[in-house]
Amino acid sequence: MTSPKLWLIVPAAGIGQRMQADCPKQYLRIDNRFILDITLSRLLNTGLFAGCMVPLNTEDQYWPSTDASADGRIQTCSGGVERADSVLSALRALPGQVADDDWVLVHDAARPCIHAADLTNLVSTLSDHPVGGLLAAPVPDTLKRAESSQLPEVIETVDRSQLWRALTPQMFRYSMLANALESALKAGQPVTDESSAMEFSGNMPLLVEGRPDNIKITVPTDLDLAGFILSRF
């Protein structure tokens, strides 16, 4: 019996409104390289994946300028309005040889600081798990709940002992993930990541502790921080 293969999906159809930039955040540069190129090369250079699918915005004009566009290991497809739509589109666009029990790893395009050791630990930890899971980091800060207002006041301090930050990659079986996303979208259930879709389907993912510096570039100050982190690898 052959071992399940690993497939990579890196959704890149977002426009990154919070970055306040002239282009989507995955096409900003760190040391003169597109963030998307850094992310894809760090993942694919591990040699773990049988293939990679990158869902793109239908109006994307930056992809042809990337190094990744000339990489034979990478295929593209049309993304959707929301992340879940893009991931589902990518699942459907993966090659026909993908088996139901193959693993699919979904990683944020704007999370270039993924460390190879975290990736290999995730894969080895989940290899025999019935559901799958995701990289995550325990919340280190004191958390406050506040009322929604222009000047929010603290309502309470929240117990952080059981709280984790969800990171990526998130790793699930091909058929289980596709079914979970389809069910959640059909039910109008908010899907902020693949794990939330799996949870909605009643399949509880495993948390695999990863490095807290696996940051997602979301606001302008994250760009310098990511550049510093990458310079230390």
Protein backbone atom coordinates (compact mmCIF):
# COMPACT_ATOMS: atom_id res chain seq x y z
CA MET A 1 0.00 0.00 0.00
CA THR A 2 1.44 3.38 -1.01
CA SER A 3 1.77 6.15 1.54
CA PRO A 4 -0.54 9.16 1.19
CA LYS A 5 1.00 12.03 -0.76
CA LEU A 6 1.29 15.60 0.43
CA TRP A 7 -0.20 18.45 -1.61
CA LEU A 8 0.27 22.16 -0.99
CA ILE A 9 -2.29 24.95 -1.42
CA VAL A 10 -1.27 28.59 -0.96
CA PRO A 11 -4.28 30.89 -1.42
CA ALA A 12 -3.13 34.14 -3.05
CA ALA A 13 -6.35 35.75 -4.24
CA GLY A 14 -6.66 38.26 -1.40
CA ILE A 15 -6.22 42.00 -1.77
CA GLY A 16 -4.85 42.75 1.71
CA GLN A 17 -6.83 45.89 2.57
CA ARG A 18 -5.22 46.39 5.99
CA MET A 19 -1.75 46.75 4.48
CA GLN A 20 -2.73 50.10 2.91
CA ALA A 21 -0.43 49.29 -0.01
CA ASP A 22 -0.62 49.80 -3.76
CA CYS A 23 -0.68 46.05 -4.41
CA PRO A 24 -1.86 42.90 -2.61
CA LYS A 25 0.38 42.12 0.36
CA GLN A 26 1.68 38.87 -1.13
CA TYR A 27 3.31 40.99 -3.84
CA LEU A 28 5.10 43.35 -1.49
CA ARG A 29 8.85 42.76 -1.32
CA ILE A 30 11.32 41.76 1.36
CA ASP A 31 14.95 42.11 0.28
CA ASN A 32 13.70 42.65 -3.27
CA ARG A 33 11.78 39.35 -3.36
CA PHE A 34 8.01 39.02 -3.50
CA ILE A 35 6.58 37.71 -0.22
CA LEU A 36 4.74 35.04 -2.22
CA ASP A 37 8.00 33.86 -3.79
CA ILE A 38 9.65 33.61 -0.37
CA THR A 39 6.72 31.66 1.06
CA LEU A 40 6.49 29.20 -1.82
CA SER A 41 10.23 28.57 -2.02
CA ARG A 42 10.53 27.92 1.72
CA LEU A 43 7.76 25.33 1.53
CA LEU A 44 8.60 23.64 -1.76
CA ASN A 45 12.34 23.44 -1.14
CA THR A 46 11.65 20.94 1.65
CA GLY A 47 10.88 18.39 -1.08
CA LEU A 48 7.82 17.12 0.80
CA PHE A 49 5.13 17.90 -1.74
CA ALA A 50 3.83 16.03 -4.77
CA GLY A 51 2.40 19.25 -6.19
CA CYS A 52 1.28 22.78 -5.40
CA MET A 53 -1.79 24.81 -6.35
CA VAL A 54 -1.98 28.60 -5.99
CA PRO A 55 -5.45 30.17 -6.34
CA LEU A 56 -5.14 33.68 -7.83
CA ASN A 57 -7.48 36.62 -8.17
CA THR A 58 -9.02 36.62 -11.63
CA GLU A 59 -7.67 40.17 -12.12
CA ASP A 60 -4.17 39.39 -10.80
CA GLN A 61 -1.55 41.20 -12.89
CA TYR A 62 1.48 40.53 -10.69
CA TRP A 63 1.83 36.73 -10.87
CA PRO A 64 3.67 36.68 -14.24
CA SER A 65 6.45 38.76 -12.65
CA THR A 66 7.11 36.25 -9.86
CA ASP A 67 9.81 33.58 -9.80
CA ALA A 68 7.08 31.11 -8.86
CA SER A 69 5.29 31.60 -12.19
CA ALA A 70 8.21 29.83 -13.91
CA ASP A 71 8.39 27.01 -11.35
CA GLY A 72 7.19 23.74 -12.88
CA ARG A 73 6.15 22.43 -9.47
CA ILE A 74 3.42 25.07 -9.18
CA GLN A 75 0.02 25.26 -10.85
CA THR A 76 -2.55 28.06 -10.56
CA CYS A 77 -6.33 28.29 -10.60
CA SER A 78 -8.95 30.99 -10.14
CA GLY A 79 -9.54 31.94 -6.53
CA GLY A 80 -12.78 33.08 -4.93
CA VAL A 81 -14.13 35.99 -2.94
CA GLU A 82 -13.30 34.42 0.43
CA ARG A 83 -10.41 32.22 1.54
CA ALA A 84 -12.66 29.16 1.80
CA ASP A 85 -13.83 29.67 -1.79
CA SER A 86 -10.21 29.82 -2.98
CA VAL A 87 -9.18 26.70 -1.08
CA LEU A 88 -12.17 24.76 -2.38
CA SER A 89 -11.37 25.92 -5.91
CA ALA A 90 -7.78 24.72 -5.46
CA LEU A 91 -8.91 21.34 -4.12
CA ARG A 92 -11.07 20.85 -7.19
CA ALA A 93 -8.21 21.93 -9.48
CA LEU A 94 -5.61 19.54 -8.06
CA PRO A 95 -4.50 16.80 -10.46
CA GLY A 96 -6.74 13.78 -10.96
CA GLN A 97 -4.27 11.48 -9.24
CA VAL A 98 -5.02 13.01 -5.83
CA ALA A 99 -6.41 10.29 -3.56
CA ASP A 100 -9.16 10.83 -1.00
CA ASP A 101 -6.79 10.08 1.87
CA ASP A 102 -3.90 12.20 0.57
CA TRP A 103 -2.91 15.07 2.82
CA VAL A 104 -3.47 18.69 1.81
CA LEU A 105 -1.52 21.42 3.56
CA VAL A 106 -2.92 24.94 3.28
CA HIS A 107 -0.57 27.82 4.05
CA ASP A 108 -1.05 31.59 4.06
CA ALA A 109 0.68 33.38 1.18
CA ALA A 110 1.66 36.22 3.51
CA ARG A 111 3.29 33.94 6.10
CA PRO A 112 6.86 33.67 4.74
CA CYS A 113 8.58 32.90 8.06
CA ILE A 114 7.57 29.24 8.17
CA HIS A 115 10.46 27.15 9.48
CA ALA A 116 11.28 23.81 7.86
CA ALA A 117 11.53 22.10 11.26
CA ASP A 118 7.94 23.11 12.10
CA LEU A 119 6.73 21.80 8.76
CA THR A 120 8.39 18.41 9.14
CA ASN A 121 7.18 18.16 12.75
CA LEU A 122 3.61 18.88 11.66
CA VAL A 123 3.75 16.20 8.97
CA SER A 124 5.28 13.55 11.20
CA THR A 125 2.97 14.28 14.14
CA LEU A 126 -0.19 14.06 12.04
CA SER A 127 0.80 11.19 9.75
CA ASP A 128 -1.44 8.69 11.57
CA HIS A 129 -4.02 11.11 13.00
CA PRO A 130 -7.62 10.43 11.90
CA VAL A 131 -8.47 14.11 11.34
CA GLY A 132 -5.34 16.22 10.92
CA GLY A 133 -4.44 19.50 12.52
CA LEU A 134 -2.55 22.73 12.37
CA LEU A 135 0.45 24.58 13.64
CA ALA A 136 -0.45 26.80 16.58
CA ALA A 137 1.20 28.82 19.33
CA PRO A 138 0.02 29.29 22.93
CA VAL A 139 -1.19 32.82 23.64
CA PRO A 140 1.48 34.45 25.84
CA ASP A 141 -0.22 37.78 26.64
CA THR A 142 -2.86 38.73 29.15
CA LEU A 143 -6.13 39.03 27.24
CA LYS A 144 -8.84 41.65 27.81
CA ARG A 145 -12.43 41.58 26.62
CA ALA A 146 -13.80 45.03 25.77
CA GLU A 147 -16.99 46.70 24.65
CA SER A 148 -17.10 47.78 21.02
CA SER A 149 -16.69 51.54 20.95
CA GLN A 150 -14.32 54.24 19.75
CA LEU A 151 -12.63 54.20 23.17
CA PRO A 152 -13.20 50.63 24.39
CA GLU A 153 -13.26 49.88 28.10
CA VAL A 154 -12.23 46.56 29.62
CA ILE A 155 -15.10 44.25 30.55
CA GLU A 156 -12.99 41.40 31.90
CA THR A 157 -9.66 39.63 31.79
CA VAL A 158 -9.88 36.40 29.79
CA ASP A 159 -8.25 33.17 30.95
CA ARG A 160 -5.57 32.41 28.35
CA SER A 161 -4.52 28.99 29.70
CA GLN A 162 -6.43 27.10 26.97
CA LEU A 163 -6.07 29.63 24.14
CA TRP A 164 -3.83 29.20 21.10
CA ARG A 165 -3.05 31.30 18.04
CA ALA A 166 -3.91 29.39 14.87
CA LEU A 167 -1.00 29.36 12.42
CA THR A 168 -0.43 27.63 9.10
CA PRO A 169 0.11 25.21 7.47
CA GLN A 170 -3.12 23.43 8.34
CA MET A 171 -3.11 19.79 7.28
CA PHE A 172 -6.14 17.63 6.48
CA ARG A 173 -7.18 14.71 4.27
CA TYR A 174 -8.26 15.75 0.78
CA SER A 175 -11.81 14.39 0.84
CA MET A 176 -12.52 15.35 4.46
CA LEU A 177 -11.40 18.93 3.88
CA ALA A 178 -13.36 19.30 0.63
CA ASN A 179 -16.52 17.93 2.25
CA ALA A 180 -16.09 20.12 5.33
CA LEU A 181 -15.63 23.29 3.30
CA GLU A 182 -18.59 22.51 1.05
CA SER A 183 -20.84 21.81 4.05
CA ALA A 184 -19.79 24.94 5.92
CA LEU A 185 -20.25 27.21 2.92
CA LYS A 186 -23.63 25.67 2.11
CA ALA A 187 -24.75 26.27 5.72
CA GLY A 188 -23.53 29.88 5.69
CA GLN A 189 -21.07 29.07 8.45
CA PRO A 190 -18.19 31.55 8.78
CA VAL A 191 -14.94 29.86 7.72
CA THR A 192 -11.88 31.81 8.84
CA ASP A 193 -9.50 28.90 8.32
CA GLU A 194 -9.60 25.24 7.31
CA SER A 195 -9.70 24.12 10.93
CA SER A 196 -12.95 26.02 11.52
CA ALA A 197 -14.58 24.12 8.65
CA MET A 198 -13.37 20.81 10.06
CA GLU A 199 -14.66 21.74 13.52
CA PHE A 200 -18.08 22.57 12.03
CA SER A 201 -18.14 19.10 10.47
CA GLY A 202 -17.55 17.54 13.89
CA ASN A 203 -13.91 16.58 13.26
CA MET A 204 -11.65 18.07 15.91
CA PRO A 205 -8.13 18.95 14.67
CA LEU A 206 -4.95 18.46 16.63
CA LEU A 207 -2.86 21.47 17.64
CA VAL A 208 0.85 21.06 16.93
CA GLU A 209 2.97 23.69 18.64
CA GLY A 210 4.96 25.80 16.23
CA ARG A 211 7.32 28.74 16.42
CA PRO A 212 5.57 31.99 17.42
CA ASP A 213 7.65 33.91 14.86
CA ASN A 214 5.66 32.22 12.05
CA ILE A 215 3.87 35.55 11.65
CA LYS A 216 1.28 36.59 9.08
CA ILE A 217 2.00 39.91 7.39
CA THR A 218 -1.20 41.87 7.91
CA VAL A 219 -0.35 45.50 8.74
CA PRO A 220 2.57 47.67 7.52
CA THR A 221 4.72 47.16 10.65
CA ASP A 222 4.69 43.39 10.04
CA LEU A 223 6.82 43.85 6.93
CA ASP A 224 9.92 44.98 8.81
CA LEU A 225 9.39 42.34 11.48
CA ALA A 226 9.18 39.58 8.88
CA GLY A 227 12.33 40.88 7.21
CA PHE A 228 14.15 40.72 10.55
CA ILE A 229 12.91 37.20 11.30
CA LEU A 230 13.96 35.94 7.88
CA SER A 231 17.42 37.47 8.30
CA ARG A 232 17.92 35.34 11.43
CA PHE A 233 17.18 31.97 9.80
